[in-house]
PDB file of all heavy atoms in Angstrom:
ATOM      1  N   ALA A   1      -0.227 -11.202   3.723  1.00  0.00           N
ATOM      2  CA  ALA A   1       0.898 -10.240   3.583  1.00  0.00           C
ATOM      3  C   ALA A   1       1.020  -9.829   2.188  1.00  0.00           C
ATOM      4  O   ALA A   1       1.007 -10.677   1.266  1.00  0.00           O
ATOM      5  CB  ALA A   1       2.168 -10.809   4.082  1.00  0.00           C
ATOM      6  N   ILE A   2       1.161  -8.509   1.898  1.00  0.00           N
ATOM      7  CA  ILE A   2       1.405  -7.942   0.575  1.00  0.00           C
ATOM      8  C   ILE A   2       2.853  -7.624   0.490  1.00  0.00           C
ATOM      9  O   ILE A   2       3.395  -6.686   1.253  1.00  0.00           O
ATOM     10  CB  ILE A   2       0.518  -6.761   0.337  1.00  0.00           C
ATOM     11  CG1 ILE A   2      -0.864  -6.882   0.736  1.00  0.00           C
ATOM     12  CG2 ILE A   2       0.701  -6.222  -1.124  1.00  0.00           C
ATOM     13  CD1 ILE A   2      -1.580  -7.896  -0.105  1.00  0.00           C
ATOM     14  N   ILE A   3       3.596  -8.261  -0.449  1.00  0.00           N
ATOM     15  CA  ILE A   3       5.042  -8.216  -0.501  1.00  0.00           C
ATOM     16  C   ILE A   3       5.485  -7.746  -1.854  1.00  0.00           C
ATOM     17  O   ILE A   3       4.824  -7.972  -2.870  1.00  0.00           O
ATOM     18  CB  ILE A   3       5.669  -9.606  -0.170  1.00  0.00           C
ATOM     19  CG1 ILE A   3       5.325 -10.123   1.147  1.00  0.00           C
ATOM     20  CG2 ILE A   3       7.243  -9.446  -0.300  1.00  0.00           C
ATOM     21  CD1 ILE A   3       5.768  -9.274   2.322  1.00  0.00           C
ATOM     22  N   GLY A   4       6.512  -6.924  -1.872  1.00  0.00           N
ATOM     23  CA  GLY A   4       7.024  -6.501  -3.186  1.00  0.00           C
ATOM     24  C   GLY A   4       8.098  -5.404  -2.974  1.00  0.00           C
ATOM     25  O   GLY A   4       8.184  -4.819  -2.006  1.00  0.00           O
ATOM     26  N   ARG A   5       8.687  -4.992  -4.105  1.00  0.00           N
ATOM     27  CA  ARG A   5       9.707  -3.946  -4.092  1.00  0.00           C
ATOM     28  C   ARG A   5       8.886  -2.545  -3.996  1.00  0.00           C
ATOM     29  O   ARG A   5       7.739  -2.644  -4.207  1.00  0.00           O
ATOM     30  CB  ARG A   5      10.580  -3.998  -5.361  1.00  0.00           C
ATOM     31  CG  ARG A   5       9.945  -3.864  -6.695  1.00  0.00           C
ATOM     32  CD  ARG A   5      11.019  -4.052  -7.774  1.00  0.00           C
ATOM     33  NE  ARG A   5      10.323  -4.036  -9.085  1.00  0.00           N
ATOM     34  CZ  ARG A   5       9.882  -2.953  -9.744  1.00  0.00           C
ATOM     35  NH1 ARG A   5      10.099  -1.725  -9.288  1.00  0.00           N
ATOM     36  NH2 ARG A   5       9.459  -3.023 -10.962  1.00  0.00           N
ATOM     37  N   PRO A   6       9.514  -1.370  -3.876  1.00  0.00           N
ATOM     38  CA  PRO A   6       8.933  -0.080  -3.824  1.00  0.00           C
ATOM     39  C   PRO A   6       8.145   0.144  -5.154  1.00  0.00           C
ATOM     40  O   PRO A   6       8.593  -0.120  -6.265  1.00  0.00           O
ATOM     41  CB  PRO A   6      10.105   0.859  -3.525  1.00  0.00           C
ATOM     42  CG  PRO A   6      11.117   0.051  -2.924  1.00  0.00           C
ATOM     43  CD  PRO A   6      11.019  -1.284  -3.600  1.00  0.00           C
ATOM     44  N   ASN A   7       6.987   0.853  -4.995  1.00  0.00           N
ATOM     45  CA  ASN A   7       6.309   1.512  -6.081  1.00  0.00           C
ATOM     46  C   ASN A   7       5.741   0.457  -7.139  1.00  0.00           C
ATOM     47  O   ASN A   7       5.714   0.828  -8.357  1.00  0.00           O
ATOM     48  CB  ASN A   7       7.143   2.591  -6.817  1.00  0.00           C
ATOM     49  CG  ASN A   7       7.033   3.918  -6.021  1.00  0.00           C
ATOM     50  OD1 ASN A   7       6.701   3.934  -4.914  1.00  0.00           O
ATOM     51  ND2 ASN A   7       7.443   4.943  -6.764  1.00  0.00           N
ATOM     52  N   VAL A   8       5.336  -0.600  -6.693  1.00  0.00           N
ATOM     53  CA  VAL A   8       4.734  -1.576  -7.631  1.00  0.00           C
ATOM     54  C   VAL A   8       3.204  -1.599  -7.502  1.00  0.00           C
ATOM     55  O   VAL A   8       2.496  -2.218  -8.192  1.00  0.00           O
ATOM     56  CB  VAL A   8       5.287  -3.041  -7.440  1.00  0.00           C
ATOM     57  CG1 VAL A   8       6.683  -3.168  -7.806  1.00  0.00           C
ATOM     58  CG2 VAL A   8       4.930  -3.502  -6.033  1.00  0.00           C
ATOM     59  N   GLY A   9       2.696  -0.765  -6.505  1.00  0.00           N
ATOM     60  CA  GLY A   9       1.247  -0.610  -6.330  1.00  0.00           C
ATOM     61  C   GLY A   9       0.682  -1.497  -5.172  1.00  0.00           C
ATOM     62  O   GLY A   9      -0.421  -1.832  -5.285  1.00  0.00           O
ATOM     63  N   LYS A  10       1.480  -1.702  -4.266  1.00  0.00           N
ATOM     64  CA  LYS A  10       1.016  -2.579  -3.117  1.00  0.00           C
ATOM     65  C   LYS A  10      -0.058  -1.897  -2.395  1.00  0.00           C
ATOM     66  O   LYS A  10      -1.096  -2.583  -2.029  1.00  0.00           O
ATOM     67  CB  LYS A  10       2.203  -2.917  -2.127  1.00  0.00           C
ATOM     68  CG  LYS A  10       3.311  -3.756  -2.802  1.00  0.00           C
ATOM     69  CD  LYS A  10       4.413  -4.160  -1.802  1.00  0.00           C
ATOM     70  CE  LYS A  10       5.150  -3.045  -1.188  1.00  0.00           C
ATOM     71  NZ  LYS A  10       5.750  -2.164  -2.186  1.00  0.00           N
ATOM     72  N   SER A  11       0.132  -0.619  -1.902  1.00  0.00           N
ATOM     73  CA  SER A  11      -0.942   0.081  -1.221  1.00  0.00           C
ATOM     74  C   SER A  11      -2.212   0.227  -2.063  1.00  0.00           C
ATOM     75  O   SER A  11      -3.277   0.175  -1.534  1.00  0.00           O
ATOM     76  CB  SER A  11      -0.407   1.405  -0.748  1.00  0.00           C
ATOM     77  OG  SER A  11       0.693   1.313   0.077  1.00  0.00           O
ATOM     78  N   THR A  12      -2.136   0.487  -3.367  1.00  0.00           N
ATOM     79  CA  THR A  12      -3.294   0.622  -4.154  1.00  0.00           C
ATOM     80  C   THR A  12      -4.030  -0.743  -4.207  1.00  0.00           C
ATOM     81  O   THR A  12      -5.315  -0.748  -4.076  1.00  0.00           O
ATOM     82  CB  THR A  12      -2.916   0.946  -5.560  1.00  0.00           C
ATOM     83  OG1 THR A  12      -2.075   2.148  -5.557  1.00  0.00           O
ATOM     84  CG2 THR A  12      -4.081   1.151  -6.531  1.00  0.00           C
ATOM     85  N   LEU A  13      -3.336  -1.847  -4.199  1.00  0.00           N
ATOM     86  CA  LEU A  13      -3.941  -3.186  -4.247  1.00  0.00           C
ATOM     87  C   LEU A  13      -4.609  -3.445  -2.901  1.00  0.00           C
ATOM     88  O   LEU A  13      -5.744  -3.903  -2.870  1.00  0.00           O
ATOM     89  CB  LEU A  13      -2.869  -4.321  -4.484  1.00  0.00           C
ATOM     90  CG  LEU A  13      -3.399  -5.674  -4.449  1.00  0.00           C
ATOM     91  CD1 LEU A  13      -4.461  -5.947  -5.578  1.00  0.00           C
ATOM     92  CD2 LEU A  13      -2.324  -6.634  -4.643  1.00  0.00           C
ATOM     93  N   VAL A  14      -3.961  -2.932  -1.804  1.00  0.00           N
ATOM     94  CA  VAL A  14      -4.624  -3.066  -0.393  1.00  0.00           C
ATOM     95  C   VAL A  14      -5.967  -2.352  -0.391  1.00  0.00           C
ATOM     96  O   VAL A  14      -6.989  -2.801   0.149  1.00  0.00           O
ATOM     97  CB  VAL A  14      -3.677  -2.583   0.694  1.00  0.00           C
ATOM     98  CG1 VAL A  14      -4.430  -2.320   1.906  1.00  0.00           C
ATOM     99  CG2 VAL A  14      -2.481  -3.482   0.925  1.00  0.00           C
ATOM    100  N   ASN A  15      -5.920  -1.096  -0.916  1.00  0.00           N
ATOM    101  CA  ASN A  15      -7.151  -0.279  -1.020  1.00  0.00           C
ATOM    102  C   ASN A  15      -8.204  -0.974  -1.854  1.00  0.00           C
ATOM    103  O   ASN A  15      -9.426  -0.912  -1.499  1.00  0.00           O
ATOM    104  CB  ASN A  15      -6.834   1.032  -1.490  1.00  0.00           C
ATOM    105  CG  ASN A  15      -6.061   2.020  -0.537  1.00  0.00           C
ATOM    106  OD1 ASN A  15      -6.116   1.723   0.708  1.00  0.00           O
ATOM    107  ND2 ASN A  15      -5.453   2.946  -1.029  1.00  0.00           N
ATOM    108  N   ARG A  16      -7.815  -1.619  -2.878  1.00  0.00           N
ATOM    109  CA  ARG A  16      -8.814  -2.334  -3.703  1.00  0.00           C
ATOM    110  C   ARG A  16      -9.342  -3.545  -3.034  1.00  0.00           C
ATOM    111  O   ARG A  16     -10.542  -3.751  -2.966  1.00  0.00           O
ATOM    112  CB  ARG A  16      -8.076  -2.834  -5.040  1.00  0.00           C
ATOM    113  CG  ARG A  16      -8.891  -3.736  -5.888  1.00  0.00           C
ATOM    114  CD  ARG A  16     -10.138  -3.027  -6.439  1.00  0.00           C
ATOM    115  NE  ARG A  16      -9.783  -1.801  -7.172  1.00  0.00           N
ATOM    116  CZ  ARG A  16     -10.719  -1.013  -7.710  1.00  0.00           C
ATOM    117  NH1 ARG A  16     -11.972  -1.255  -7.566  1.00  0.00           N
ATOM    118  NH2 ARG A  16     -10.358   0.113  -8.448  1.00  0.00           N
ATOM    119  N   LEU A  17      -8.483  -4.418  -2.329  1.00  0.00           N
ATOM    120  CA  LEU A  17      -8.938  -5.498  -1.659  1.00  0.00           C
ATOM    121  C   LEU A  17      -9.807  -5.160  -0.444  1.00  0.00           C
ATOM    122  O   LEU A  17     -10.797  -5.839  -0.068  1.00  0.00           O
ATOM    123  CB  LEU A  17      -7.834  -6.456  -1.229  1.00  0.00           C
ATOM    124  CG  LEU A  17      -6.900  -6.952  -2.379  1.00  0.00           C
ATOM    125  CD1 LEU A  17      -5.770  -7.886  -1.889  1.00  0.00           C
ATOM    126  CD2 LEU A  17      -7.780  -7.675  -3.414  1.00  0.00           C
ATOM    127  N   ALA A  18      -9.474  -4.094   0.232  1.00  0.00           N
ATOM    128  CA  ALA A  18     -10.305  -3.745   1.524  1.00  0.00           C
ATOM    129  C   ALA A  18     -11.375  -2.780   1.146  1.00  0.00           C
ATOM    130  O   ALA A  18     -12.051  -2.391   2.046  1.00  0.00           O
ATOM    131  CB  ALA A  18      -9.251  -2.983   2.400  1.00  0.00           C
ATOM    132  N   GLU A  19     -11.533  -2.472  -0.167  1.00  0.00           N
ATOM    133  CA  GLU A  19     -12.644  -1.495  -0.591  1.00  0.00           C
ATOM    134  C   GLU A  19     -12.637  -0.339   0.138  1.00  0.00           C
ATOM    135  O   GLU A  19     -13.654   0.218   0.720  1.00  0.00           O
ATOM    136  CB  GLU A  19     -14.014  -2.363  -0.468  1.00  0.00           C
ATOM    137  CG  GLU A  19     -14.068  -3.671  -1.270  1.00  0.00           C
ATOM    138  CD  GLU A  19     -15.416  -4.167  -1.264  1.00  0.00           C
ATOM    139  OE1 GLU A  19     -16.281  -3.782  -0.456  1.00  0.00           O
ATOM    140  OE2 GLU A  19     -15.790  -5.117  -2.008  1.00  0.00           O
ATOM    141  N   GLY A  20     -11.522   0.274   0.269  1.00  0.00           N
ATOM    142  CA  GLY A  20     -11.472   1.669   0.944  1.00  0.00           C
ATOM    143  C   GLY A  20     -10.268   2.323   0.485  1.00  0.00           C
ATOM    144  O   GLY A  20      -9.460   1.896  -0.457  1.00  0.00           O
ATOM    145  N   ARG A  21      -9.885   3.504   0.966  1.00  0.00           N
ATOM    146  CA  ARG A  21      -8.767   4.228   0.632  1.00  0.00           C
ATOM    147  C   ARG A  21      -7.929   4.567   1.926  1.00  0.00           C
ATOM    148  O   ARG A  21      -7.528   5.777   2.175  1.00  0.00           O
ATOM    149  CB  ARG A  21      -9.077   5.572   0.028  1.00  0.00           C
ATOM    150  CG  ARG A  21      -9.867   5.347  -1.327  1.00  0.00           C
ATOM    151  CD  ARG A  21     -10.161   6.568  -2.135  1.00  0.00           C
ATOM    152  NE  ARG A  21      -8.864   7.173  -2.490  1.00  0.00           N
ATOM    153  CZ  ARG A  21      -8.865   8.357  -3.164  1.00  0.00           C
ATOM    154  NH1 ARG A  21      -9.903   9.061  -3.408  1.00  0.00           N
ATOM    155  NH2 ARG A  21      -7.572   8.827  -3.456  1.00  0.00           N
ATOM    156  N   ASP A  22      -7.732   3.536   2.795  1.00  0.00           N
ATOM    157  CA  ASP A  22      -7.096   3.678   4.046  1.00  0.00           C
ATOM    158  C   ASP A  22      -5.616   3.781   3.909  1.00  0.00           C
ATOM    159  O   ASP A  22      -4.837   4.437   4.675  1.00  0.00           O
ATOM    160  CB  ASP A  22      -7.420   2.609   5.051  1.00  0.00           C
ATOM    161  CG  ASP A  22      -8.913   2.817   5.455  1.00  0.00           C
ATOM    162  OD1 ASP A  22      -9.443   3.948   5.554  1.00  0.00           O
ATOM    163  OD2 ASP A  22      -9.574   1.870   5.754  1.00  0.00           O
ATOM    164  N   ALA A  23      -5.058   2.915   3.040  1.00  0.00           N
ATOM    165  CA  ALA A  23      -3.547   2.915   2.780  1.00  0.00           C
ATOM    166  C   ALA A  23      -3.157   4.261   2.061  1.00  0.00           C
ATOM    167  O   ALA A  23      -3.779   4.588   1.121  1.00  0.00           O
ATOM    168  CB  ALA A  23      -3.149   1.678   2.172  1.00  0.00           C
ATOM    169  N   ILE A  24      -1.976   4.731   2.455  1.00  0.00           N
ATOM    170  CA  ILE A  24      -1.564   6.074   1.824  1.00  0.00           C
ATOM    171  C   ILE A  24      -0.879   5.752   0.540  1.00  0.00           C
ATOM    172  O   ILE A  24      -0.022   4.833   0.368  1.00  0.00           O
ATOM    173  CB  ILE A  24      -0.548   6.739   2.716  1.00  0.00           C
ATOM    174  CG1 ILE A  24      -1.168   7.178   4.037  1.00  0.00           C
ATOM    175  CG2 ILE A  24       0.040   7.929   2.023  1.00  0.00           C
ATOM    176  CD1 ILE A  24      -0.342   7.881   4.988  1.00  0.00           C
ATOM    177  N   VAL A  25      -1.380   6.328  -0.559  1.00  0.00           N
ATOM    178  CA  VAL A  25      -0.788   6.053  -1.910  1.00  0.00           C
ATOM    179  C   VAL A  25      -0.164   7.391  -2.414  1.00  0.00           C
ATOM    180  O   VAL A  25      -0.935   8.388  -2.484  1.00  0.00           O
ATOM    181  CB  VAL A  25      -1.842   5.581  -2.901  1.00  0.00           C
ATOM    182  CG1 VAL A  25      -1.305   5.380  -4.299  1.00  0.00           C
ATOM    183  CG2 VAL A  25      -2.452   4.272  -2.415  1.00  0.00           C
ATOM    184  N   HIS A  26       1.131   7.408  -2.640  1.00  0.00           N
ATOM    185  CA  HIS A  26       1.686   8.616  -3.123  1.00  0.00           C
ATOM    186  C   HIS A  26       2.897   8.281  -3.894  1.00  0.00           C
ATOM    187  O   HIS A  26       3.555   7.240  -3.736  1.00  0.00           O
ATOM    188  CB  HIS A  26       2.199   9.425  -1.837  1.00  0.00           C
ATOM    189  CG  HIS A  26       2.625  10.882  -2.142  1.00  0.00           C
ATOM    190  ND1 HIS A  26       1.732  11.824  -2.554  1.00  0.00           N
ATOM    191  CD2 HIS A  26       3.872  11.416  -2.094  1.00  0.00           C
ATOM    192  CE1 HIS A  26       2.325  12.939  -2.687  1.00  0.00           C
ATOM    193  NE2 HIS A  26       3.687  12.780  -2.424  1.00  0.00           N
ATOM    194  N   ASP A  27       3.205   9.058  -4.965  1.00  0.00           N
ATOM    195  CA  ASP A  27       4.254   8.784  -5.982  1.00  0.00           C
ATOM    196  C   ASP A  27       5.641   9.089  -5.398  1.00  0.00           C
ATOM    197  O   ASP A  27       6.259  10.070  -5.758  1.00  0.00           O
ATOM    198  CB  ASP A  27       3.999   9.519  -7.213  1.00  0.00           C
ATOM    199  CG  ASP A  27       4.875   9.137  -8.433  1.00  0.00           C
ATOM    200  OD1 ASP A  27       5.461   8.014  -8.251  1.00  0.00           O
ATOM    201  OD2 ASP A  27       5.035   9.823  -9.338  1.00  0.00           O
ATOM    202  N   GLU A  28       5.993   8.269  -4.405  1.00  0.00           N
ATOM    203  CA  GLU A  28       7.289   8.536  -3.727  1.00  0.00           C
ATOM    204  C   GLU A  28       7.706   7.225  -3.113  1.00  0.00           C
ATOM    205  O   GLU A  28       6.906   6.568  -2.339  1.00  0.00           O
ATOM    206  CB  GLU A  28       7.146   9.641  -2.657  1.00  0.00           C
ATOM    207  CG  GLU A  28       8.378   9.821  -1.865  1.00  0.00           C
ATOM    208  CD  GLU A  28       8.161  10.881  -0.699  1.00  0.00           C
ATOM    209  OE1 GLU A  28       7.300  11.739  -0.983  1.00  0.00           O
ATOM    210  OE2 GLU A  28       8.680  10.600   0.400  1.00  0.00           O
ATOM    211  N   PRO A  29       8.895   6.846  -3.364  1.00  0.00           N
ATOM    212  CA  PRO A  29       9.419   5.434  -2.718  1.00  0.00           C
ATOM    213  C   PRO A  29       9.389   5.625  -1.160  1.00  0.00           C
ATOM    214  O   PRO A  29       9.799   6.740  -0.718  1.00  0.00           O
ATOM    215  CB  PRO A  29      10.731   5.263  -3.249  1.00  0.00           C
ATOM    216  CG  PRO A  29      10.830   6.099  -4.572  1.00  0.00           C
ATOM    217  CD  PRO A  29       9.929   7.280  -4.243  1.00  0.00           C
ATOM    218  N   GLY A  30       9.108   4.580  -0.489  1.00  0.00           N
ATOM    219  CA  GLY A  30       9.226   4.535   0.959  1.00  0.00           C
ATOM    220  C   GLY A  30       8.063   5.127   1.716  1.00  0.00           C
ATOM    221  O   GLY A  30       8.239   5.433   2.939  1.00  0.00           O
ATOM    222  N   VAL A  31       6.941   5.521   0.994  1.00  0.00           N
ATOM    223  CA  VAL A  31       5.855   5.963   1.748  1.00  0.00           C
ATOM    224  C   VAL A  31       5.343   5.071   2.805  1.00  0.00           C
ATOM    225  O   VAL A  31       5.139   5.462   3.939  1.00  0.00           O
ATOM    226  CB  VAL A  31       4.748   6.429   0.715  1.00  0.00           C
ATOM    227  CG1 VAL A  31       3.413   6.760   1.489  1.00  0.00           C
ATOM    228  CG2 VAL A  31       5.156   7.536  -0.070  1.00  0.00           C
ATOM    229  N   THR A  32       5.194   3.792   2.428  1.00  0.00           N
ATOM    230  CA  THR A  32       4.773   2.786   3.513  1.00  0.00           C
ATOM    231  C   THR A  32       6.001   2.265   4.035  1.00  0.00           C
ATOM    232  O   THR A  32       6.982   1.828   3.445  1.00  0.00           O
ATOM    233  CB  THR A  32       4.076   1.657   2.725  1.00  0.00           C
ATOM    234  OG1 THR A  32       2.887   2.075   2.117  1.00  0.00           O
ATOM    235  CG2 THR A  32       3.594   0.636   3.869  1.00  0.00           C
ATOM    236  N   ARG A  33       6.113   2.317   5.422  1.00  0.00           N
ATOM    237  CA  ARG A  33       7.272   1.881   6.193  1.00  0.00           C
ATOM    238  C   ARG A  33       6.926   0.758   7.196  1.00  0.00           C
ATOM    239  O   ARG A  33       7.653  -0.139   7.236  1.00  0.00           O
ATOM    240  CB  ARG A  33       7.897   3.170   6.942  1.00  0.00           C
ATOM    241  CG  ARG A  33       8.426   4.134   5.979  1.00  0.00           C
ATOM    242  CD  ARG A  33       8.945   5.448   6.707  1.00  0.00           C
ATOM    243  NE  ARG A  33       9.517   6.379   5.800  1.00  0.00           N
ATOM    244  CZ  ARG A  33       9.991   7.523   6.204  1.00  0.00           C
ATOM    245  NH1 ARG A  33       9.834   7.941   7.449  1.00  0.00           N
ATOM    246  NH2 ARG A  33      10.578   8.341   5.330  1.00  0.00           N
ATOM    247  N   ASP A  34       5.930   0.982   7.994  1.00  0.00           N
ATOM    248  CA  ASP A  34       5.562  -0.022   8.957  1.00  0.00           C
ATOM    249  C   ASP A  34       4.582  -0.967   8.252  1.00  0.00           C
ATOM    250  O   ASP A  34       4.192  -0.807   7.097  1.00  0.00           O
ATOM    251  CB  ASP A  34       4.775   0.540  10.176  1.00  0.00           C
ATOM    252  CG  ASP A  34       5.764   1.558  10.856  1.00  0.00           C
ATOM    253  OD1 ASP A  34       6.676   1.064  11.498  1.00  0.00           O
ATOM    254  OD2 ASP A  34       5.507   2.702  10.829  1.00  0.00           O
ATOM    255  N   ARG A  35       4.122  -2.019   8.934  1.00  0.00           N
ATOM    256  CA  ARG A  35       3.077  -2.837   8.378  1.00  0.00           C
ATOM    257  C   ARG A  35       1.692  -2.412   8.868  1.00  0.00           C
ATOM    258  O   ARG A  35       1.437  -2.214  10.018  1.00  0.00           O
ATOM    259  CB  ARG A  35       3.322  -4.375   8.760  1.00  0.00           C
ATOM    260  CG  ARG A  35       3.868  -4.723   9.978  1.00  0.00           C
ATOM    261  CD  ARG A  35       4.287  -6.103  10.039  1.00  0.00           C
ATOM    262  NE  ARG A  35       3.895  -6.829  11.287  1.00  0.00           N
ATOM    263  CZ  ARG A  35       4.575  -6.681  12.483  1.00  0.00           C
ATOM    264  NH1 ARG A  35       5.758  -6.010  12.492  1.00  0.00           N
ATOM    265  NH2 ARG A  35       4.163  -7.311  13.490  1.00  0.00           N
ATOM    266  N   THR A  36       0.818  -2.143   7.921  1.00  0.00           N
ATOM    267  CA  THR A  36      -0.510  -1.640   8.278  1.00  0.00           C
ATOM    268  C   THR A  36      -1.552  -2.829   7.874  1.00  0.00           C
ATOM    269  O   THR A  36      -1.512  -3.322   6.759  1.00  0.00           O
ATOM    270  CB  THR A  36      -0.760  -0.377   7.490  1.00  0.00           C
ATOM    271  OG1 THR A  36      -0.719  -0.624   6.070  1.00  0.00           O
ATOM    272  CG2 THR A  36       0.239   0.667   7.897  1.00  0.00           C
ATOM    273  N   TYR A  37      -2.594  -2.952   8.682  1.00  0.00           N
ATOM    274  CA  TYR A  37      -3.500  -3.918   8.566  1.00  0.00           C
ATOM    275  C   TYR A  37      -4.868  -3.411   8.197  1.00  0.00           C
ATOM    276  O   TYR A  37      -5.309  -2.403   8.742  1.00  0.00           O
ATOM    277  CB  TYR A  37      -3.654  -4.695   9.965  1.00  0.00           C
ATOM    278  CG  TYR A  37      -2.519  -5.489  10.433  1.00  0.00           C
ATOM    279  CD1 TYR A  37      -1.267  -4.826  10.687  1.00  0.00           C
ATOM    280  CD2 TYR A  37      -2.561  -6.876  10.492  1.00  0.00           C
ATOM    281  CE1 TYR A  37      -0.197  -5.582  11.063  1.00  0.00           C
ATOM    282  CE2 TYR A  37      -1.494  -7.662  10.863  1.00  0.00           C
ATOM    283  CZ  TYR A  37      -0.276  -7.032  11.167  1.00  0.00           C
ATOM    284  OH  TYR A  37       0.822  -7.668  11.606  1.00  0.00           O
ATOM    285  N   ARG A  38      -5.522  -4.037   7.223  1.00  0.00           N
ATOM    286  CA  ARG A  38      -6.831  -3.657   6.712  1.00  0.00           C
ATOM    287  C   ARG A  38      -7.857  -4.862   6.688  1.00  0.00           C
ATOM    288  O   ARG A  38      -7.289  -6.012   6.213  1.00  0.00           O
ATOM    289  CB  ARG A  38      -6.834  -2.929   5.360  1.00  0.00           C
ATOM    290  CG  ARG A  38      -5.839  -1.798   5.340  1.00  0.00           C
ATOM    291  CD  ARG A  38      -6.415  -0.582   5.971  1.00  0.00           C
ATOM    292  NE  ARG A  38      -5.551   0.554   5.849  1.00  0.00           N
ATOM    293  CZ  ARG A  38      -4.760   1.047   6.920  1.00  0.00           C
ATOM    294  NH1 ARG A  38      -4.838   0.458   8.025  1.00  0.00           N
ATOM    295  NH2 ARG A  38      -3.973   2.001   6.751  1.00  0.00           N
TER     296      ARG A  38
END
């Protein structure tokens, strides 16, 4: 599980660990809402 407050780069880290760009990364709080698996 990737845990943290908004906009610390969780989705960017997910993309790095999963070696892809599947998680949506956007400069806006609350972009990720559900839990997404990679």
